[in-house]
Amino acid sequence: MDKDLQKFLEYLSIEKNYSKYTIRNYEIDINKFIMYCLEKNINKYKITYREIKSYLGKLYDFKYTSKTVSRHISALRGF
């Protein structure tokens, strides 16, 4: 697991007191994003608006609901 992701998940658990369910979903969402960045050869810390928009478009292509996409956005903002 990505070291920064692990630290973020610990932060959500300890500091934010998020439920295990929420933390697990955030982990899945952020891992999907990390995999997308690796596939597209994008630095996950220097991503542009256009690249994020493309990623979100891909989520809609997979028929994710707007609620699920919103959770992805929330997870990525926090990360």
Protein backbone atom coordinates (compact mmCIF):
# COMPACT_ATOMS: atom_id res chain seq x y z
CA MET A 1 0.00 0.00 0.00
CA ASP A 2 1.09 3.53 -0.73
CA LYS A 3 2.75 5.01 2.37
CA ASP A 4 0.94 8.34 2.03
CA LEU A 5 -2.38 6.57 1.64
CA GLN A 6 -1.72 4.55 4.79
CA LYS A 7 -1.00 7.74 6.75
CA PHE A 8 -4.16 9.34 5.38
CA LEU A 9 -6.28 6.36 6.41
CA GLU A 10 -4.79 6.43 9.90
CA TYR A 11 -5.62 10.15 10.08
CA LEU A 12 -9.24 9.42 9.12
CA SER A 13 -9.47 6.77 11.81
CA ILE A 14 -7.72 8.55 14.66
CA GLU A 15 -8.31 12.25 14.08
CA LYS A 16 -11.61 12.25 12.20
CA ASN A 17 -13.10 9.15 13.83
CA TYR A 18 -14.56 7.95 10.51
CA SER A 19 -16.27 4.58 10.45
CA LYS A 20 -14.37 1.54 9.22
CA TYR A 21 -16.81 1.33 6.32
CA THR A 22 -16.06 4.90 5.22
CA ILE A 23 -12.32 4.39 5.58
CA ARG A 24 -12.46 1.21 3.52
CA ASN A 25 -14.42 2.96 0.77
CA TYR A 26 -11.98 5.87 0.75
CA GLU A 27 -9.11 3.40 0.49
CA ILE A 28 -10.74 1.72 -2.51
CA ASP A 29 -11.52 5.07 -4.15
CA ILE A 30 -8.02 6.45 -3.70
CA ASN A 31 -6.41 3.21 -4.87
CA LYS A 32 -8.48 3.44 -8.07
CA PHE A 33 -7.20 6.96 -8.53
CA ILE A 34 -3.59 5.90 -7.90
CA MET A 35 -3.94 3.10 -10.46
CA TYR A 36 -5.39 5.59 -12.96
CA CYS A 37 -2.40 7.88 -12.41
CA LEU A 38 0.02 5.00 -12.93
CA GLU A 39 -1.75 3.92 -16.13
CA LYS A 40 -1.67 7.47 -17.50
CA ASN A 41 1.84 8.21 -16.19
CA ILE A 42 0.53 11.11 -14.08
CA ASN A 43 2.17 12.36 -10.89
CA LYS A 44 -0.64 12.00 -8.36
CA TYR A 45 0.60 15.07 -6.49
CA LYS A 46 0.81 17.35 -9.54
CA ILE A 47 -2.42 16.44 -11.27
CA THR A 48 -4.16 19.10 -13.34
CA TYR A 49 -7.82 20.05 -13.49
CA ARG A 50 -8.08 18.51 -16.96
CA GLU A 51 -6.68 15.19 -15.70
CA ILE A 52 -9.09 15.12 -12.75
CA LYS A 53 -11.98 15.89 -15.08
CA SER A 54 -10.89 13.02 -17.31
CA TYR A 55 -10.72 10.68 -14.31
CA LEU A 56 -14.19 11.66 -13.14
CA GLY A 57 -15.50 11.17 -16.67
CA LYS A 58 -14.10 7.66 -16.56
CA LEU A 59 -16.02 7.01 -13.34
CA TYR A 60 -19.25 8.09 -15.04
CA ASP A 61 -18.36 5.83 -17.99
CA PHE A 62 -18.33 2.93 -15.52
CA LYS A 63 -21.92 3.91 -14.63
CA TYR A 64 -21.11 5.01 -11.09
CA THR A 65 -23.90 6.97 -9.47
CA SER A 66 -23.43 10.66 -8.77
CA LYS A 67 -23.33 9.82 -5.04
CA THR A 68 -20.42 7.42 -5.59
CA VAL A 69 -18.57 9.95 -7.73
CA SER A 70 -19.12 12.55 -5.01
CA ARG A 71 -17.53 10.18 -2.49
CA HIS A 72 -14.55 9.77 -4.82
CA ILE A 73 -14.22 13.54 -5.01
CA SER A 74 -14.39 13.84 -1.23
CA ALA A 75 -11.78 11.12 -0.76
CA LEU A 76 -9.44 12.74 -3.25
CA ARG A 77 -9.84 16.22 -1.78
CA GLY A 78 -8.92 14.92 1.64
CA PHE A 79 -6.01 12.93 0.31
